[in-house]
Amino acid sequence: MPIKANRKVALSLADKQQGRYVRVESLVLEPNVSYEIYLEGVDFPLLLVKQVFVNEDGSTGILYLVTSDTTLTTLTYGDITTVYRTRWNVEQYHKSLKQNASLEKSPTQTVVTQTNHFFAALCAYIKLEMLRVSTKLNHFALKTKLYVNALQVTFSTLQEMQPVRLAA
C-alpha cells in the first residue's frame, strides 16, 4: 500500500526500540530498491520502496510503497510495484462498481432481490467497460455523458408536453 511522505519510520529494530523515527521524505532512498523499515505505530517490520515517476504534465512524482510480506527475502522492487498495480486496478473496479453501477444504492431487503441487484450492477459494470474500450472515456465520463443526454431528452419531452408556452 502507499504511505504518505510524512509518515515516520525507523531504519532498524534498535532505532524503533529507542523511538528514533524520521519522516520517510527525509530519507535518502535509492529508487527501485527495497528497504526493511519499522513504521511508527506498527509492531512488525515492513519493506519500503521509493517509486519515482513522471506525470503527464512533465512533473516528477514520488510514491512510497510498503508491504508486510517480508517472508520472501528476494521480494524486489518489481514484485512490490506489480502487486500494487494489481491492487490499484481492484480498487478502481470496486469504486466504479459502487459509484457508477450503483451497487451501493441498493434498496433491497431480501436475499433474492439483493442477488438480483448485485447481478444487475455487475452487468452494468460490464457494459461500462465495453463502452470504455470503444469510446476511450473512463466510467465517470461515460456516466456523466449518459446523464446529460438523459436530461436533454427529458427536457425536450417536457417542452413538447406543455400545451401553452409562456413568453418571458
N, C-alpha and C. Protein backbone atom coordinates (compact mmCIF):
# COMPACT_ATOMS: atom_id res chain seq x y z
N MET A 1 0.84 -1.18 0.00
CA MET A 1 0.00 0.00 0.00
C MET A 1 0.88 1.24 0.00
N PRO A 2 0.37 2.34 -0.48
CA PRO A 2 1.16 3.57 -0.44
C PRO A 2 1.11 4.19 0.95
N ILE A 3 2.15 4.91 1.31
CA ILE A 3 2.14 5.68 2.56
C ILE A 3 2.48 7.12 2.23
N LYS A 4 2.04 8.01 3.08
CA LYS A 4 2.33 9.43 2.89
C LYS A 4 3.79 9.71 3.23
N ALA A 5 4.33 10.74 2.58
CA ALA A 5 5.73 11.09 2.75
C ALA A 5 6.05 11.57 4.17
N ASN A 6 5.04 11.99 4.92
CA ASN A 6 5.31 12.48 6.27
C ASN A 6 5.23 11.38 7.33
N ARG A 7 4.97 10.13 6.93
CA ARG A 7 4.95 9.04 7.90
C ARG A 7 6.34 8.83 8.47
N LYS A 8 6.40 8.45 9.73
CA LYS A 8 7.70 8.28 10.39
C LYS A 8 8.08 6.81 10.42
N VAL A 9 9.37 6.56 10.15
CA VAL A 9 9.90 5.20 10.12
C VAL A 9 11.22 5.14 10.86
N ALA A 10 11.52 3.93 11.32
CA ALA A 10 12.83 3.64 11.90
C ALA A 10 13.53 2.68 10.94
N LEU A 11 14.81 2.85 10.78
CA LEU A 11 15.55 2.03 9.82
C LEU A 11 16.08 0.73 10.41
N SER A 12 15.96 0.58 11.73
CA SER A 12 16.41 -0.66 12.36
C SER A 12 15.54 -0.93 13.59
N LEU A 13 15.61 -2.15 14.08
CA LEU A 13 14.87 -2.51 15.28
C LEU A 13 15.37 -1.71 16.47
N ALA A 14 16.68 -1.47 16.53
CA ALA A 14 17.25 -0.68 17.63
C ALA A 14 16.71 0.75 17.61
N ASP A 15 16.64 1.35 16.42
CA ASP A 15 16.07 2.70 16.30
C ASP A 15 14.61 2.71 16.74
N LYS A 16 13.87 1.68 16.37
CA LYS A 16 12.45 1.59 16.75
C LYS A 16 12.32 1.52 18.27
N GLN A 17 13.13 0.68 18.89
CA GLN A 17 13.05 0.50 20.34
C GLN A 17 13.44 1.77 21.10
N GLN A 18 14.31 2.57 20.52
CA GLN A 18 14.72 3.83 21.15
C GLN A 18 13.86 5.02 20.71
N GLY A 19 12.86 4.75 19.86
CA GLY A 19 11.96 5.80 19.42
C GLY A 19 12.56 6.78 18.44
N ARG A 20 13.59 6.37 17.73
CA ARG A 20 14.24 7.25 16.74
C ARG A 20 13.57 7.05 15.38
N TYR A 21 12.57 7.86 15.13
CA TYR A 21 11.84 7.80 13.87
C TYR A 21 12.13 9.06 13.05
N VAL A 22 12.16 8.90 11.75
CA VAL A 22 12.34 10.04 10.84
C VAL A 22 11.26 9.96 9.77
N ARG A 23 10.96 11.11 9.19
CA ARG A 23 9.96 11.15 8.12
C ARG A 23 10.51 10.45 6.88
N VAL A 24 9.66 9.74 6.19
CA VAL A 24 10.08 8.99 5.01
C VAL A 24 10.71 9.92 3.98
N GLU A 25 10.13 11.10 3.78
CA GLU A 25 10.64 12.02 2.76
C GLU A 25 12.03 12.55 3.07
N SER A 26 12.45 12.46 4.34
CA SER A 26 13.78 12.96 4.70
C SER A 26 14.88 11.91 4.47
N LEU A 27 14.50 10.69 4.19
CA LEU A 27 15.48 9.63 3.96
C LEU A 27 16.07 9.74 2.56
N VAL A 28 17.32 9.37 2.44
CA VAL A 28 17.96 9.30 1.13
C VAL A 28 17.81 7.84 0.67
N LEU A 29 16.79 7.61 -0.13
CA LEU A 29 16.49 6.26 -0.60
C LEU A 29 16.73 6.18 -2.09
N GLU A 30 17.36 5.10 -2.50
CA GLU A 30 17.55 4.86 -3.92
C GLU A 30 16.20 4.40 -4.50
N PRO A 31 15.80 4.95 -5.62
CA PRO A 31 14.58 4.45 -6.26
C PRO A 31 14.77 2.99 -6.69
N ASN A 32 13.70 2.25 -6.68
CA ASN A 32 13.68 0.86 -7.16
C ASN A 32 14.46 -0.11 -6.28
N VAL A 33 14.71 0.27 -5.03
CA VAL A 33 15.41 -0.61 -4.09
C VAL A 33 14.49 -0.81 -2.88
N SER A 34 14.41 -2.05 -2.37
CA SER A 34 13.55 -2.28 -1.21
C SER A 34 14.38 -2.22 0.08
N TYR A 35 13.78 -1.61 1.11
CA TYR A 35 14.42 -1.43 2.41
C TYR A 35 13.52 -1.99 3.50
N GLU A 36 14.11 -2.66 4.48
CA GLU A 36 13.32 -3.10 5.63
C GLU A 36 13.25 -1.94 6.62
N ILE A 37 12.02 -1.58 7.00
CA ILE A 37 11.82 -0.44 7.90
C ILE A 37 10.79 -0.83 8.97
N TYR A 38 10.68 0.03 9.97
CA TYR A 38 9.68 -0.11 11.03
C TYR A 38 8.84 1.16 11.02
N LEU A 39 7.60 1.02 10.64
CA LEU A 39 6.69 2.16 10.57
C LEU A 39 6.18 2.47 11.97
N GLU A 40 6.16 3.76 12.33
CA GLU A 40 5.71 4.16 13.65
C GLU A 40 4.26 3.68 13.85
N GLY A 41 4.02 3.01 14.96
CA GLY A 41 2.69 2.51 15.26
C GLY A 41 2.43 1.10 14.75
N VAL A 42 3.38 0.52 14.05
CA VAL A 42 3.26 -0.85 13.53
C VAL A 42 4.31 -1.70 14.23
N ASP A 43 3.90 -2.85 14.76
CA ASP A 43 4.80 -3.66 15.60
C ASP A 43 5.77 -4.55 14.83
N PHE A 44 5.55 -4.72 13.53
CA PHE A 44 6.38 -5.66 12.77
C PHE A 44 7.07 -4.92 11.62
N PRO A 45 8.14 -5.51 11.08
CA PRO A 45 8.88 -4.84 10.00
C PRO A 45 8.10 -4.86 8.69
N LEU A 46 8.40 -3.87 7.86
CA LEU A 46 7.79 -3.76 6.53
C LEU A 46 8.90 -3.55 5.51
N LEU A 47 8.60 -3.82 4.26
CA LEU A 47 9.52 -3.47 3.18
C LEU A 47 9.02 -2.19 2.54
N LEU A 48 9.93 -1.27 2.29
CA LEU A 48 9.61 0.03 1.71
C LEU A 48 10.35 0.19 0.40
N VAL A 49 9.65 0.71 -0.62
CA VAL A 49 10.31 1.07 -1.88
C VAL A 49 9.88 2.49 -2.25
N LYS A 50 10.79 3.17 -2.92
CA LYS A 50 10.52 4.52 -3.41
C LYS A 50 10.36 4.42 -4.93
N GLN A 51 9.18 4.81 -5.39
CA GLN A 51 8.90 4.78 -6.83
C GLN A 51 8.89 6.21 -7.35
N VAL A 52 9.74 6.50 -8.31
CA VAL A 52 9.81 7.82 -8.92
C VAL A 52 9.25 7.70 -10.33
N PHE A 53 8.34 8.62 -10.68
CA PHE A 53 7.71 8.56 -11.99
C PHE A 53 7.49 9.97 -12.52
N VAL A 54 7.24 10.06 -13.83
CA VAL A 54 6.98 11.34 -14.47
C VAL A 54 5.49 11.41 -14.79
N ASN A 55 4.84 12.48 -14.33
CA ASN A 55 3.43 12.69 -14.60
C ASN A 55 3.21 13.14 -16.05
N GLU A 56 1.95 13.15 -16.47
CA GLU A 56 1.64 13.57 -17.84
C GLU A 56 2.05 15.01 -18.11
N ASP A 57 2.02 15.86 -17.07
CA ASP A 57 2.40 17.27 -17.26
C ASP A 57 3.90 17.50 -17.20
N GLY A 58 4.67 16.42 -17.09
CA GLY A 58 6.13 16.53 -17.06
C GLY A 58 6.73 16.64 -15.67
N SER A 59 5.91 16.84 -14.66
CA SER A 59 6.42 16.92 -13.29
C SER A 59 6.79 15.53 -12.78
N THR A 60 7.65 15.51 -11.78
CA THR A 60 8.10 14.26 -11.20
C THR A 60 7.30 13.95 -9.95
N GLY A 61 6.88 12.70 -9.83
CA GLY A 61 6.14 12.27 -8.65
C GLY A 61 6.89 11.18 -7.92
N ILE A 62 6.66 11.10 -6.62
CA ILE A 62 7.29 10.06 -5.80
C ILE A 62 6.19 9.35 -5.04
N LEU A 63 6.26 8.03 -5.06
CA LEU A 63 5.30 7.20 -4.35
C LEU A 63 6.08 6.26 -3.45
N TYR A 64 5.74 6.25 -2.16
CA TYR A 64 6.38 5.33 -1.22
C TYR A 64 5.42 4.17 -0.99
N LEU A 65 5.87 2.96 -1.29
CA LEU A 65 5.04 1.77 -1.15
C LEU A 65 5.63 0.88 -0.06
N VAL A 66 4.74 0.32 0.76
CA VAL A 66 5.19 -0.64 1.78
C VAL A 66 4.40 -1.94 1.62
N THR A 67 5.03 -3.01 2.05
CA THR A 67 4.38 -4.31 2.09
C THR A 67 4.76 -5.00 3.38
N SER A 68 3.83 -5.77 3.90
CA SER A 68 4.11 -6.53 5.12
C SER A 68 4.65 -7.91 4.80
N ASP A 69 4.74 -8.25 3.53
CA ASP A 69 5.23 -9.57 3.12
C ASP A 69 6.75 -9.56 3.13
N THR A 70 7.32 -9.83 4.30
CA THR A 70 8.78 -9.89 4.41
C THR A 70 9.27 -11.33 4.45
N THR A 71 8.37 -12.29 4.19
CA THR A 71 8.76 -13.70 4.23
C THR A 71 9.68 -14.04 3.07
N LEU A 72 9.48 -13.34 1.96
CA LEU A 72 10.35 -13.57 0.82
C LEU A 72 11.51 -12.58 0.88
N THR A 73 12.67 -13.08 1.13
CA THR A 73 13.82 -12.18 1.22
C THR A 73 14.21 -11.64 -0.15
N THR A 74 13.69 -12.27 -1.19
CA THR A 74 14.02 -11.82 -2.53
C THR A 74 12.91 -10.97 -3.13
N LEU A 75 12.00 -10.46 -2.32
CA LEU A 75 10.93 -9.61 -2.82
C LEU A 75 11.57 -8.33 -3.35
N THR A 76 11.43 -8.10 -4.63
CA THR A 76 12.11 -6.98 -5.28
C THR A 76 11.18 -5.80 -5.47
N TYR A 77 11.77 -4.71 -5.91
CA TYR A 77 11.01 -3.52 -6.25
C TYR A 77 9.93 -3.87 -7.28
N GLY A 78 10.31 -4.61 -8.29
CA GLY A 78 9.36 -5.00 -9.35
C GLY A 78 8.19 -5.80 -8.80
N ASP A 79 8.48 -6.71 -7.86
CA ASP A 79 7.42 -7.51 -7.25
C ASP A 79 6.43 -6.61 -6.49
N ILE A 80 6.97 -5.69 -5.72
CA ILE A 80 6.12 -4.82 -4.89
C ILE A 80 5.28 -3.91 -5.76
N THR A 81 5.87 -3.31 -6.79
CA THR A 81 5.10 -2.41 -7.65
C THR A 81 4.07 -3.17 -8.49
N THR A 82 4.37 -4.40 -8.86
CA THR A 82 3.40 -5.22 -9.60
C THR A 82 2.19 -5.53 -8.73
N VAL A 83 2.44 -5.89 -7.48
CA VAL A 83 1.33 -6.17 -6.56
C VAL A 83 0.51 -4.90 -6.34
N TYR A 84 1.17 -3.76 -6.21
CA TYR A 84 0.45 -2.50 -6.00
C TYR A 84 -0.40 -2.16 -7.21
N ARG A 85 0.15 -2.32 -8.41
CA ARG A 85 -0.61 -2.03 -9.64
C ARG A 85 -1.85 -2.91 -9.71
N THR A 86 -1.69 -4.18 -9.38
CA THR A 86 -2.82 -5.11 -9.39
C THR A 86 -3.85 -4.68 -8.36
N ARG A 87 -3.39 -4.32 -7.17
CA ARG A 87 -4.29 -3.88 -6.11
C ARG A 87 -5.02 -2.61 -6.54
N TRP A 88 -4.33 -1.69 -7.19
CA TRP A 88 -4.95 -0.44 -7.61
C TRP A 88 -6.06 -0.69 -8.62
N ASN A 89 -5.86 -1.64 -9.54
CA ASN A 89 -6.91 -1.99 -10.50
C ASN A 89 -8.14 -2.53 -9.79
N VAL A 90 -7.94 -3.29 -8.74
CA VAL A 90 -9.06 -3.81 -7.97
C VAL A 90 -9.79 -2.66 -7.29
N GLU A 91 -9.04 -1.68 -6.77
CA GLU A 91 -9.65 -0.50 -6.14
C GLU A 91 -10.51 0.26 -7.15
N GLN A 92 -10.00 0.44 -8.35
CA GLN A 92 -10.76 1.15 -9.39
C GLN A 92 -12.03 0.37 -9.74
N TYR A 93 -11.92 -0.94 -9.81
CA TYR A 93 -13.08 -1.79 -10.11
C TYR A 93 -14.15 -1.61 -9.03
N HIS A 94 -13.75 -1.70 -7.76
CA HIS A 94 -14.72 -1.56 -6.67
C HIS A 94 -15.36 -0.17 -6.66
N LYS A 95 -14.56 0.86 -6.88
CA LYS A 95 -15.09 2.21 -6.88
C LYS A 95 -16.11 2.40 -7.99
N SER A 96 -15.80 1.94 -9.18
CA SER A 96 -16.72 2.09 -10.30
C SER A 96 -17.97 1.23 -10.10
N LEU A 97 -17.80 0.03 -9.59
CA LEU A 97 -18.94 -0.85 -9.34
C LEU A 97 -19.90 -0.21 -8.34
N LYS A 98 -19.35 0.42 -7.30
CA LYS A 98 -20.19 1.04 -6.29
C LYS A 98 -20.81 2.34 -6.78
N GLN A 99 -20.01 3.21 -7.40
CA GLN A 99 -20.49 4.55 -7.73
C GLN A 99 -21.15 4.66 -9.10
N ASN A 100 -20.62 3.98 -10.10
CA ASN A 100 -21.16 4.12 -11.45
C ASN A 100 -22.20 3.06 -11.79
N ALA A 101 -22.11 1.89 -11.20
CA ALA A 101 -23.09 0.84 -11.45
C ALA A 101 -24.10 0.75 -10.31
N SER A 102 -24.02 1.68 -9.37
CA SER A 102 -24.99 1.83 -8.26
C SER A 102 -25.13 0.60 -7.36
N LEU A 103 -24.04 -0.09 -7.16
CA LEU A 103 -24.11 -1.24 -6.26
C LEU A 103 -24.43 -0.81 -4.82
N GLU A 104 -23.89 0.31 -4.39
CA GLU A 104 -24.08 0.74 -3.01
C GLU A 104 -25.46 1.34 -2.75
N LYS A 105 -26.21 1.63 -3.80
CA LYS A 105 -27.52 2.26 -3.63
C LYS A 105 -28.65 1.23 -3.70
N SER A 106 -28.44 0.09 -3.14
CA SER A 106 -29.42 -0.98 -3.21
C SER A 106 -30.51 -0.80 -2.16
N PRO A 107 -31.78 -0.66 -2.61
CA PRO A 107 -32.88 -0.55 -1.66
C PRO A 107 -33.45 -1.92 -1.28
N THR A 108 -32.75 -2.97 -1.61
CA THR A 108 -33.27 -4.33 -1.44
C THR A 108 -33.24 -4.79 0.00
N GLN A 109 -34.13 -5.74 0.32
CA GLN A 109 -34.25 -6.24 1.69
C GLN A 109 -34.09 -7.76 1.77
N THR A 110 -34.44 -8.47 0.72
CA THR A 110 -34.39 -9.93 0.78
C THR A 110 -33.18 -10.44 0.01
N VAL A 111 -32.85 -11.69 0.24
CA VAL A 111 -31.69 -12.29 -0.42
C VAL A 111 -31.89 -12.32 -1.92
N VAL A 112 -33.08 -12.65 -2.37
CA VAL A 112 -33.35 -12.74 -3.81
C VAL A 112 -33.18 -11.37 -4.47
N THR A 113 -33.78 -10.33 -3.89
CA THR A 113 -33.67 -9.01 -4.51
C THR A 113 -32.24 -8.46 -4.41
N GLN A 114 -31.54 -8.79 -3.33
CA GLN A 114 -30.15 -8.37 -3.21
C GLN A 114 -29.29 -9.04 -4.27
N THR A 115 -29.53 -10.31 -4.50
CA THR A 115 -28.79 -11.06 -5.53
C THR A 115 -29.07 -10.48 -6.91
N ASN A 116 -30.35 -10.17 -7.17
CA ASN A 116 -30.71 -9.58 -8.46
C ASN A 116 -30.04 -8.22 -8.65
N HIS A 117 -30.03 -7.41 -7.60
CA HIS A 117 -29.40 -6.08 -7.68
C HIS A 117 -27.89 -6.22 -7.93
N PHE A 118 -27.26 -7.15 -7.24
CA PHE A 118 -25.83 -7.38 -7.42
C PHE A 118 -25.55 -7.81 -8.86
N PHE A 119 -26.35 -8.72 -9.38
CA PHE A 119 -26.16 -9.19 -10.76
C PHE A 119 -26.36 -8.05 -11.76
N ALA A 120 -27.39 -7.22 -11.54
CA ALA A 120 -27.65 -6.09 -12.44
C ALA A 120 -26.49 -5.09 -12.40
N ALA A 121 -25.93 -4.85 -11.21
CA ALA A 121 -24.79 -3.94 -11.10
C ALA A 121 -23.57 -4.50 -11.84
N LEU A 122 -23.34 -5.80 -11.74
CA LEU A 122 -22.23 -6.41 -12.48
C LEU A 122 -22.43 -6.27 -13.99
N CYS A 123 -23.67 -6.48 -14.44
CA CYS A 123 -23.98 -6.32 -15.87
C CYS A 123 -23.73 -4.87 -16.31
N ALA A 124 -24.13 -3.92 -15.48
CA ALA A 124 -23.91 -2.50 -15.78
C ALA A 124 -22.42 -2.21 -15.86
N TYR A 125 -21.64 -2.77 -14.95
CA TYR A 125 -20.19 -2.56 -14.96
C TYR A 125 -19.59 -3.11 -16.25
N ILE A 126 -20.02 -4.28 -16.66
CA ILE A 126 -19.50 -4.90 -17.89
C ILE A 126 -19.83 -4.02 -19.10
N LYS A 127 -21.06 -3.49 -19.12
CA LYS A 127 -21.43 -2.60 -20.23
C LYS A 127 -20.59 -1.33 -20.22
N LEU A 128 -20.34 -0.78 -19.04
CA LEU A 128 -19.47 0.40 -18.94
C LEU A 128 -18.06 0.09 -19.44
N GLU A 129 -17.56 -1.08 -19.11
CA GLU A 129 -16.23 -1.48 -19.57
C GLU A 129 -16.19 -1.58 -21.09
N MET A 130 -17.24 -2.16 -21.67
CA MET A 130 -17.29 -2.28 -23.13
C MET A 130 -17.33 -0.90 -23.77
N LEU A 131 -18.11 0.02 -23.19
CA LEU A 131 -18.17 1.39 -23.70
C LEU A 131 -16.83 2.10 -23.50
N ARG A 132 -16.18 1.85 -22.37
CA ARG A 132 -14.89 2.48 -22.09
C ARG A 132 -13.87 2.11 -23.16
N VAL A 133 -13.86 0.84 -23.55
CA VAL A 133 -12.92 0.38 -24.55
C VAL A 133 -13.21 1.02 -25.91
N SER A 134 -14.50 1.10 -26.26
CA SER A 134 -14.84 1.61 -27.59
C SER A 134 -14.78 3.14 -27.68
N THR A 135 -15.04 3.85 -26.57
CA THR A 135 -15.07 5.31 -26.61
C THR A 135 -13.81 5.97 -26.07
N LYS A 136 -12.98 5.22 -25.37
CA LYS A 136 -11.76 5.74 -24.74
C LYS A 136 -12.07 6.74 -23.62
N LEU A 137 -13.29 6.68 -23.06
CA LEU A 137 -13.69 7.53 -21.93
C LEU A 137 -13.74 6.67 -20.67
N ASN A 138 -13.40 7.25 -19.52
CA ASN A 138 -13.48 6.46 -18.29
C ASN A 138 -14.93 6.34 -17.83
N HIS A 139 -15.17 5.51 -16.83
CA HIS A 139 -16.54 5.23 -16.38
C HIS A 139 -17.25 6.48 -15.90
N PHE A 140 -16.54 7.36 -15.21
CA PHE A 140 -17.17 8.57 -14.69
C PHE A 140 -17.58 9.50 -15.83
N ALA A 141 -16.74 9.63 -16.86
CA ALA A 141 -17.08 10.46 -18.01
C ALA A 141 -18.27 9.87 -18.77
N LEU A 142 -18.30 8.54 -18.89
CA LEU A 142 -19.43 7.88 -19.56
C LEU A 142 -20.73 8.11 -18.79
N LYS A 143 -20.68 7.98 -17.49
CA LYS A 143 -21.88 8.18 -16.67
C LYS A 143 -22.37 9.62 -16.82
N THR A 144 -21.46 10.57 -16.80
CA THR A 144 -21.83 11.98 -16.95
C THR A 144 -22.45 12.23 -18.33
N LYS A 145 -21.85 11.65 -19.35
CA LYS A 145 -22.36 11.83 -20.71
C LYS A 145 -23.77 11.24 -20.84
N LEU A 146 -23.98 10.06 -20.29
CA LEU A 146 -25.30 9.43 -20.32
C LEU A 146 -26.32 10.26 -19.54
N TYR A 147 -25.91 10.78 -18.40
CA TYR A 147 -26.80 11.57 -17.56
C TYR A 147 -27.21 12.87 -18.27
N VAL A 148 -26.26 13.56 -18.87
CA VAL A 148 -26.55 14.81 -19.59
C VAL A 148 -27.47 14.53 -20.77
N ASN A 149 -27.20 13.44 -21.50
CA ASN A 149 -28.07 13.06 -22.62
C ASN A 149 -29.50 12.80 -22.14
N ALA A 150 -29.64 12.07 -21.04
CA ALA A 150 -30.96 11.78 -20.49
C ALA A 150 -31.69 13.05 -20.08
N LEU A 151 -30.97 14.00 -19.49
CA LEU A 151 -31.58 15.27 -19.11
C LEU A 151 -32.05 16.05 -20.34
N GLN A 152 -31.27 16.05 -21.41
CA GLN A 152 -31.65 16.76 -22.63
C GLN A 152 -32.91 16.16 -23.25
N VAL A 153 -32.97 14.83 -23.30
CA VAL A 153 -34.16 14.16 -23.85
C VAL A 153 -35.38 14.44 -22.97
N THR A 154 -35.20 14.39 -21.66
CA THR A 154 -36.30 14.67 -20.73
C THR A 154 -36.80 16.09 -20.90
N PHE A 155 -35.90 17.05 -21.02
CA PHE A 155 -36.28 18.45 -21.18
C PHE A 155 -37.03 18.66 -22.49
N SER A 156 -36.56 18.02 -23.57
CA SER A 156 -37.24 18.13 -24.87
C SER A 156 -38.65 17.56 -24.78
N THR A 157 -38.80 16.41 -24.15
CA THR A 157 -40.11 15.80 -23.99
C THR A 157 -41.02 16.68 -23.16
N LEU A 158 -40.50 17.27 -22.12
CA LEU A 158 -41.29 18.17 -21.28
C LEU A 158 -41.74 19.39 -22.08
N GLN A 159 -40.86 19.93 -22.91
CA GLN A 159 -41.20 21.08 -23.75
C GLN A 159 -42.34 20.73 -24.71
N GLU A 160 -42.30 19.54 -25.28
CA GLU A 160 -43.34 19.10 -26.22
C GLU A 160 -44.68 18.88 -25.51
N MET A 161 -44.64 18.50 -24.24
CA MET A 161 -45.87 18.22 -23.50
C MET A 161 -46.57 19.47 -23.00
N GLN A 162 -45.89 20.58 -22.95
CA GLN A 162 -46.51 21.80 -22.44
C GLN A 162 -47.51 22.33 -23.48
N PRO A 163 -48.78 22.48 -23.08
CA PRO A 163 -49.79 22.94 -24.05
C PRO A 163 -49.62 24.40 -24.44
N VAL A 164 -49.19 25.23 -23.51
CA VAL A 164 -49.02 26.65 -23.79
C VAL A 164 -47.62 27.06 -23.38
N ARG A 165 -46.97 27.74 -24.30
CA ARG A 165 -45.64 28.23 -23.99
C ARG A 165 -45.76 29.66 -23.45
N LEU A 166 -45.13 29.91 -22.35
CA LEU A 166 -45.17 31.24 -21.75
C LEU A 166 -43.98 32.03 -22.24
N ALA A 167 -44.22 33.27 -22.60
CA ALA A 167 -43.13 34.14 -23.04
C ALA A 167 -42.50 34.80 -21.83
N ALA A 168 -41.23 34.96 -21.87
CA ALA A 168 -40.55 35.56 -20.74
C ALA A 168 -40.59 37.06 -20.78
